[in-house]
Amino acid sequence: MSEKNLLGDQANVKALAERLSQCPEVTKYDHAEEKEAGVLAHSFSDLEESFRTFLTKQLPQLMNHELSPSELFDVLIDIGEEFRHILYHIRDPKFYGYLNNQHDGDG
């Protein structure tokens, strides 16, 4: 797979941030020098890269029947670290803060 990342260059990230800054529901989370639109655009860029890494590299490695148990464990650890990075970029934007809250009686 040689799909190009939509947010693979800073010009696209900046353009997305500018677009998001037009949304009052986003800008209400602006704080001092940190603009929520920029935080979201950066997070989406990193998430795109992490999801692509998981889907195009790590998941195929996990499906490789020739891996030893030790190599399989290493892939699982790498996936966990990628998931840690994904969780950070889900939790970082204030806009998605509701995802971090626990709700009694849900689920």
N, C-alpha and C. Protein backbone atom coordinates (compact mmCIF):
# COMPACT_ATOMS: atom_id res chain seq x y z
N MET A 1 0.83 -1.18 0.00
CA MET A 1 0.00 0.00 0.00
C MET A 1 0.88 1.24 0.00
N SER A 2 0.62 2.11 -0.93
CA SER A 2 1.40 3.33 -1.00
C SER A 2 0.48 4.55 -0.96
N GLU A 3 -0.58 4.47 -0.17
CA GLU A 3 -1.48 5.59 -0.04
C GLU A 3 -0.77 6.75 0.65
N LYS A 4 -1.01 7.93 0.13
CA LYS A 4 -0.40 9.13 0.69
C LYS A 4 -1.24 9.59 1.88
N ASN A 5 -0.55 9.96 2.95
CA ASN A 5 -1.26 10.50 4.10
C ASN A 5 -1.90 11.83 3.73
N LEU A 6 -3.15 12.01 4.09
CA LEU A 6 -3.85 13.26 3.82
C LEU A 6 -3.22 14.42 4.59
N LEU A 7 -2.72 14.11 5.77
CA LEU A 7 -2.11 15.13 6.63
C LEU A 7 -0.61 14.92 6.75
N GLY A 8 -0.02 14.39 5.70
CA GLY A 8 1.40 14.05 5.72
C GLY A 8 2.35 15.23 5.61
N ASP A 9 1.83 16.39 5.24
CA ASP A 9 2.73 17.55 5.19
C ASP A 9 2.13 18.69 6.00
N GLN A 10 3.00 19.57 6.46
CA GLN A 10 2.60 20.65 7.36
C GLN A 10 1.61 21.61 6.71
N ALA A 11 1.67 21.78 5.41
CA ALA A 11 0.73 22.67 4.74
C ALA A 11 -0.71 22.17 4.91
N ASN A 12 -0.90 20.86 4.78
CA ASN A 12 -2.24 20.29 4.96
C ASN A 12 -2.69 20.37 6.41
N VAL A 13 -1.77 20.15 7.34
CA VAL A 13 -2.11 20.25 8.77
C VAL A 13 -2.51 21.69 9.09
N LYS A 14 -1.74 22.64 8.58
CA LYS A 14 -2.04 24.06 8.81
C LYS A 14 -3.39 24.44 8.19
N ALA A 15 -3.65 23.96 6.98
CA ALA A 15 -4.92 24.26 6.32
C ALA A 15 -6.09 23.68 7.11
N LEU A 16 -5.92 22.48 7.64
CA LEU A 16 -6.98 21.89 8.46
C LEU A 16 -7.18 22.70 9.74
N ALA A 17 -6.10 23.10 10.37
CA ALA A 17 -6.20 23.92 11.59
C ALA A 17 -6.94 25.22 11.30
N GLU A 18 -6.64 25.84 10.19
CA GLU A 18 -7.33 27.08 9.82
C GLU A 18 -8.82 26.84 9.61
N ARG A 19 -9.14 25.73 8.98
CA ARG A 19 -10.54 25.37 8.76
C ARG A 19 -11.26 25.11 10.08
N LEU A 20 -10.61 24.36 10.97
CA LEU A 20 -11.20 24.05 12.27
C LEU A 20 -11.36 25.29 13.13
N SER A 21 -10.48 26.28 12.93
CA SER A 21 -10.56 27.50 13.73
C SER A 21 -11.79 28.34 13.38
N GLN A 22 -12.49 27.97 12.32
CA GLN A 22 -13.73 28.65 11.95
C GLN A 22 -14.94 28.09 12.71
N CYS A 23 -14.72 27.05 13.47
CA CYS A 23 -15.79 26.37 14.18
C CYS A 23 -15.81 26.83 15.65
N PRO A 24 -16.84 27.58 16.06
CA PRO A 24 -16.89 28.07 17.44
C PRO A 24 -16.87 26.96 18.49
N GLU A 25 -17.39 25.80 18.11
CA GLU A 25 -17.39 24.67 19.05
C GLU A 25 -15.98 24.17 19.31
N VAL A 26 -15.06 24.48 18.42
CA VAL A 26 -13.65 24.14 18.60
C VAL A 26 -12.93 25.27 19.34
N THR A 27 -13.12 26.49 18.89
CA THR A 27 -12.36 27.62 19.45
C THR A 27 -12.74 27.93 20.89
N LYS A 28 -13.88 27.46 21.35
CA LYS A 28 -14.24 27.71 22.75
C LYS A 28 -13.26 27.02 23.72
N TYR A 29 -12.45 26.09 23.20
CA TYR A 29 -11.45 25.41 24.02
C TYR A 29 -10.07 26.05 23.92
N ASP A 30 -9.95 27.14 23.17
CA ASP A 30 -8.66 27.84 23.08
C ASP A 30 -8.23 28.30 24.46
N HIS A 31 -6.92 28.21 24.70
CA HIS A 31 -6.38 28.63 25.99
C HIS A 31 -5.04 29.30 25.75
N ALA A 32 -4.97 30.57 26.14
CA ALA A 32 -3.74 31.35 26.01
C ALA A 32 -3.16 31.20 24.60
N GLU A 33 -1.95 30.67 24.51
CA GLU A 33 -1.29 30.52 23.21
C GLU A 33 -1.65 29.21 22.52
N GLU A 34 -2.36 28.33 23.19
CA GLU A 34 -2.68 27.03 22.60
C GLU A 34 -4.07 27.06 21.96
N LYS A 35 -4.08 26.97 20.65
CA LYS A 35 -5.33 26.99 19.89
C LYS A 35 -5.81 25.56 19.67
N GLU A 36 -7.04 25.30 20.05
CA GLU A 36 -7.59 23.95 19.96
C GLU A 36 -7.61 23.43 18.52
N ALA A 37 -7.82 24.31 17.56
CA ALA A 37 -7.82 23.88 16.15
C ALA A 37 -6.47 23.28 15.77
N GLY A 38 -5.39 23.89 16.24
CA GLY A 38 -4.05 23.36 15.97
C GLY A 38 -3.80 22.04 16.67
N VAL A 39 -4.29 21.95 17.91
CA VAL A 39 -4.14 20.69 18.66
C VAL A 39 -4.87 19.57 17.94
N LEU A 40 -6.08 19.85 17.49
CA LEU A 40 -6.86 18.82 16.77
C LEU A 40 -6.18 18.42 15.47
N ALA A 41 -5.74 19.40 14.69
CA ALA A 41 -5.10 19.09 13.41
C ALA A 41 -3.84 18.26 13.62
N HIS A 42 -3.03 18.63 14.60
CA HIS A 42 -1.81 17.86 14.90
C HIS A 42 -2.18 16.45 15.36
N SER A 43 -3.17 16.33 16.21
CA SER A 43 -3.61 15.01 16.68
C SER A 43 -4.09 14.15 15.53
N PHE A 44 -4.88 14.73 14.63
CA PHE A 44 -5.38 13.96 13.49
C PHE A 44 -4.23 13.50 12.60
N SER A 45 -3.23 14.34 12.43
CA SER A 45 -2.07 13.97 11.63
C SER A 45 -1.33 12.78 12.25
N ASP A 46 -1.09 12.86 13.56
CA ASP A 46 -0.41 11.75 14.23
C ASP A 46 -1.27 10.50 14.26
N LEU A 47 -2.58 10.66 14.44
CA LEU A 47 -3.47 9.50 14.43
C LEU A 47 -3.47 8.82 13.06
N GLU A 48 -3.50 9.63 12.02
CA GLU A 48 -3.47 9.05 10.67
C GLU A 48 -2.22 8.20 10.48
N GLU A 49 -1.09 8.72 10.92
CA GLU A 49 0.17 7.99 10.79
C GLU A 49 0.16 6.71 11.64
N SER A 50 -0.33 6.82 12.86
CA SER A 50 -0.37 5.65 13.75
C SER A 50 -1.31 4.57 13.24
N PHE A 51 -2.48 4.97 12.77
CA PHE A 51 -3.43 3.97 12.24
C PHE A 51 -2.84 3.29 11.01
N ARG A 52 -2.19 4.07 10.16
CA ARG A 52 -1.57 3.50 8.96
C ARG A 52 -0.46 2.52 9.35
N THR A 53 0.34 2.88 10.36
CA THR A 53 1.40 1.98 10.84
C THR A 53 0.80 0.68 11.33
N PHE A 54 -0.27 0.77 12.13
CA PHE A 54 -0.90 -0.44 12.64
C PHE A 54 -1.46 -1.30 11.50
N LEU A 55 -2.16 -0.66 10.57
CA LEU A 55 -2.83 -1.41 9.51
C LEU A 55 -1.90 -1.96 8.44
N THR A 56 -0.86 -1.21 8.10
CA THR A 56 -0.02 -1.63 6.97
C THR A 56 1.26 -2.33 7.39
N LYS A 57 1.66 -2.18 8.65
CA LYS A 57 2.91 -2.79 9.10
C LYS A 57 2.68 -3.81 10.21
N GLN A 58 2.09 -3.36 11.29
CA GLN A 58 2.00 -4.21 12.47
C GLN A 58 0.99 -5.34 12.33
N LEU A 59 -0.19 -5.05 11.82
CA LEU A 59 -1.18 -6.11 11.66
C LEU A 59 -0.69 -7.19 10.69
N PRO A 60 -0.10 -6.82 9.55
CA PRO A 60 0.47 -7.87 8.69
C PRO A 60 1.57 -8.68 9.39
N GLN A 61 2.40 -8.02 10.21
CA GLN A 61 3.42 -8.75 10.96
C GLN A 61 2.77 -9.75 11.90
N LEU A 62 1.70 -9.31 12.55
CA LEU A 62 0.99 -10.18 13.50
C LEU A 62 0.41 -11.41 12.81
N MET A 63 0.05 -11.27 11.55
CA MET A 63 -0.54 -12.37 10.80
C MET A 63 0.50 -13.29 10.18
N ASN A 64 1.78 -12.96 10.31
CA ASN A 64 2.86 -13.76 9.75
C ASN A 64 3.00 -15.06 10.56
N HIS A 65 2.66 -16.16 9.94
CA HIS A 65 2.68 -17.46 10.62
C HIS A 65 4.10 -17.98 10.88
N GLU A 66 5.09 -17.33 10.32
CA GLU A 66 6.47 -17.77 10.50
C GLU A 66 7.15 -17.14 11.72
N LEU A 67 6.46 -16.21 12.40
CA LEU A 67 7.07 -15.57 13.58
C LEU A 67 7.16 -16.56 14.74
N SER A 68 8.27 -16.48 15.44
CA SER A 68 8.43 -17.28 16.66
C SER A 68 7.57 -16.63 17.75
N PRO A 69 7.29 -17.36 18.83
CA PRO A 69 6.54 -16.75 19.94
C PRO A 69 7.22 -15.47 20.46
N SER A 70 8.53 -15.45 20.49
CA SER A 70 9.25 -14.27 20.95
C SER A 70 9.05 -13.09 19.99
N GLU A 71 9.11 -13.37 18.70
CA GLU A 71 8.88 -12.31 17.70
C GLU A 71 7.44 -11.82 17.73
N LEU A 72 6.52 -12.75 17.95
CA LEU A 72 5.11 -12.39 18.07
C LEU A 72 4.90 -11.46 19.27
N PHE A 73 5.55 -11.78 20.38
CA PHE A 73 5.48 -10.94 21.58
C PHE A 73 6.02 -9.54 21.28
N ASP A 74 7.13 -9.46 20.56
CA ASP A 74 7.70 -8.16 20.20
C ASP A 74 6.73 -7.32 19.38
N VAL A 75 6.03 -7.96 18.45
CA VAL A 75 5.04 -7.24 17.64
C VAL A 75 3.91 -6.74 18.53
N LEU A 76 3.46 -7.57 19.46
CA LEU A 76 2.40 -7.16 20.38
C LEU A 76 2.82 -5.95 21.22
N ILE A 77 4.07 -5.93 21.65
CA ILE A 77 4.59 -4.79 22.42
C ILE A 77 4.62 -3.55 21.53
N ASP A 78 5.08 -3.70 20.29
CA ASP A 78 5.10 -2.56 19.37
C ASP A 78 3.69 -2.01 19.14
N ILE A 79 2.72 -2.90 19.00
CA ILE A 79 1.33 -2.49 18.83
C ILE A 79 0.85 -1.74 20.07
N GLY A 80 1.20 -2.24 21.23
CA GLY A 80 0.82 -1.56 22.48
C GLY A 80 1.37 -0.15 22.55
N GLU A 81 2.61 0.02 22.11
CA GLU A 81 3.22 1.36 22.12
C GLU A 81 2.53 2.28 21.11
N GLU A 82 2.15 1.72 19.97
CA GLU A 82 1.40 2.52 18.98
C GLU A 82 0.04 2.90 19.55
N PHE A 83 -0.60 1.97 20.24
CA PHE A 83 -1.89 2.27 20.88
C PHE A 83 -1.74 3.34 21.96
N ARG A 84 -0.62 3.31 22.70
CA ARG A 84 -0.37 4.34 23.71
C ARG A 84 -0.32 5.72 23.03
N HIS A 85 0.36 5.78 21.90
CA HIS A 85 0.46 7.02 21.14
C HIS A 85 -0.92 7.46 20.65
N ILE A 86 -1.72 6.52 20.18
CA ILE A 86 -3.08 6.81 19.73
C ILE A 86 -3.91 7.36 20.88
N LEU A 87 -3.84 6.71 22.03
CA LEU A 87 -4.61 7.17 23.20
C LEU A 87 -4.22 8.59 23.60
N TYR A 88 -2.94 8.89 23.54
CA TYR A 88 -2.49 10.24 23.87
C TYR A 88 -3.18 11.25 22.95
N HIS A 89 -3.20 10.97 21.66
CA HIS A 89 -3.76 11.92 20.71
C HIS A 89 -5.28 11.92 20.69
N ILE A 90 -5.90 10.96 21.31
CA ILE A 90 -7.35 11.00 21.54
C ILE A 90 -7.64 11.83 22.79
N ARG A 91 -6.82 11.69 23.79
CA ARG A 91 -7.04 12.38 25.07
C ARG A 91 -6.55 13.82 25.08
N ASP A 92 -5.60 14.16 24.23
CA ASP A 92 -4.99 15.50 24.27
C ASP A 92 -5.95 16.63 23.91
N PRO A 93 -6.74 16.53 22.84
CA PRO A 93 -7.63 17.64 22.51
C PRO A 93 -8.74 17.80 23.55
N LYS A 94 -8.95 19.03 23.95
CA LYS A 94 -10.03 19.32 24.90
C LYS A 94 -11.40 19.07 24.26
N PHE A 95 -11.46 19.24 22.95
CA PHE A 95 -12.71 19.05 22.22
C PHE A 95 -13.29 17.65 22.47
N TYR A 96 -12.42 16.66 22.58
CA TYR A 96 -12.87 15.29 22.81
C TYR A 96 -12.77 14.88 24.27
N GLY A 97 -12.76 15.85 25.16
CA GLY A 97 -12.65 15.57 26.59
C GLY A 97 -13.74 14.65 27.12
N TYR A 98 -14.91 14.70 26.51
CA TYR A 98 -16.01 13.84 26.96
C TYR A 98 -15.67 12.36 26.81
N LEU A 99 -14.74 12.02 25.96
CA LEU A 99 -14.36 10.62 25.79
C LEU A 99 -13.59 10.09 27.00
N ASN A 100 -13.03 10.99 27.79
CA ASN A 100 -12.25 10.59 28.96
C ASN A 100 -13.11 10.40 30.19
N ASN A 101 -14.34 10.84 30.15
CA ASN A 101 -15.20 10.76 31.33
C ASN A 101 -15.85 9.40 31.45
N GLN A 102 -15.94 8.94 32.68
CA GLN A 102 -16.64 7.71 32.99
C GLN A 102 -18.10 8.07 33.29
N HIS A 103 -19.04 7.31 32.76
CA HIS A 103 -20.45 7.58 33.01
C HIS A 103 -21.04 6.38 33.75
N ASP A 104 -21.62 6.64 34.91
CA ASP A 104 -22.29 5.57 35.65
C ASP A 104 -23.52 5.10 34.89
N GLY A 105 -23.67 3.82 34.80
CA GLY A 105 -24.85 3.23 34.17
C GLY A 105 -24.73 3.08 32.67
N ASP A 106 -23.66 3.58 32.07
CA ASP A 106 -23.48 3.41 30.63
C ASP A 106 -22.95 2.02 30.34
N GLY A 107 -23.46 1.42 29.30
CA GLY A 107 -22.89 0.19 28.80
C GLY A 107 -23.37 -1.00 29.48
